[in-house]
Protein backbone atom coordinates (compact mmCIF):
# COMPACT_ATOMS: atom_id res chain seq x y z
CA MET A 1 -31.58 -46.20 47.63
CA ILE A 2 -29.84 -48.66 49.81
CA GLY A 3 -31.09 -51.66 47.72
CA LEU A 4 -29.42 -49.98 44.43
CA ALA A 5 -26.02 -49.66 45.76
CA ALA A 6 -24.86 -53.20 45.55
CA PRO A 7 -25.98 -53.58 41.74
CA VAL A 8 -24.36 -50.05 40.94
CA LEU A 9 -21.17 -50.99 42.47
CA LEU A 10 -20.92 -54.21 40.49
CA ALA A 11 -21.85 -52.40 37.35
CA VAL A 12 -19.17 -49.78 38.01
CA GLY A 13 -16.70 -52.64 38.48
CA GLU A 14 -17.65 -54.38 35.34
CA ALA A 15 -17.45 -51.15 33.44
CA MET A 16 -13.97 -50.55 34.70
CA ARG A 17 -12.79 -53.93 33.66
CA GLU A 18 -14.30 -53.42 30.09
CA HIS A 19 -12.38 -50.09 30.07
CA GLU A 20 -9.12 -51.72 30.75
CA GLU A 21 -9.87 -54.61 28.28
CA ILE A 22 -10.70 -51.81 25.61
CA LEU A 23 -7.27 -50.11 26.30
CA ASP A 24 -5.44 -53.24 26.27
CA ALA A 25 -6.78 -54.38 23.01
CA LEU A 26 -5.85 -50.65 21.57
CA ARG A 27 -2.26 -51.09 22.80
CA ARG A 28 -2.05 -54.36 21.09
CA ARG A 29 -3.84 -53.09 17.96
CA ALA A 30 -6.26 -56.06 18.31
CA GLY A 31 -9.14 -54.68 15.96
CA SER A 32 -11.19 -57.53 15.98
CA GLU A 33 -10.98 -58.27 19.72
CA LEU A 34 -11.54 -54.50 20.31
CA SER A 35 -14.66 -54.60 18.19
CA ASP A 36 -16.25 -57.36 20.33
CA ILE A 37 -15.18 -55.84 23.50
CA LEU A 38 -16.81 -52.38 22.51
CA PHE A 39 -20.01 -54.33 21.39
CA ARG A 40 -20.61 -55.84 24.62
CA HIS A 41 -19.41 -52.60 26.64
CA LEU A 42 -22.17 -50.57 24.66
CA ARG A 43 -24.56 -53.36 25.07
CA ASN A 44 -24.18 -53.67 28.70
CA LYS A 45 -24.31 -49.77 29.13
CA ARG A 46 -27.57 -49.58 27.22
CA LYS A 47 -29.02 -52.22 29.59
CA ALA A 48 -27.71 -50.21 32.69
CA ALA A 49 -29.30 -47.13 31.46
CA ALA A 50 -32.59 -48.79 30.82
CA ASP A 51 -32.70 -50.44 34.12
CA ARG A 52 -31.88 -47.00 35.72
CA GLU A 53 -34.63 -45.26 33.74
CA ALA A 54 -37.09 -48.08 34.77
CA ALA A 55 -36.17 -47.61 38.45
CA VAL A 56 -36.68 -43.85 38.68
CA PRO A 57 -40.31 -42.96 39.47
CA VAL A 58 -42.24 -40.93 37.17
CA PRO A 59 -43.26 -37.53 38.93
CA GLY A 60 -46.87 -37.17 39.86
CA GLU A 61 -47.33 -41.07 39.49
CA SER A 62 -47.73 -43.12 42.56
CA ALA A 63 -46.94 -46.64 43.11
CA VAL A 64 -50.84 -47.48 43.27
CA ASP A 65 -51.46 -45.70 40.02
CA SER A 66 -49.13 -47.87 37.89
CA VAL A 67 -50.76 -51.13 39.22
């Protein structure tokens, strides 16, 4: 669990920056820029979710079974 702490904190920090960029683009009504930011944000979110899912062990399966 400790090994996951740093990557998770980095991902949270990155997501917060993206949310701030989204709000800024909304305030400025910068549609094209907002589209780019949202696309990048959702791509990063999908990757983070896939990484998290890959790191969770399957119940009933040991590390030896998956080799």
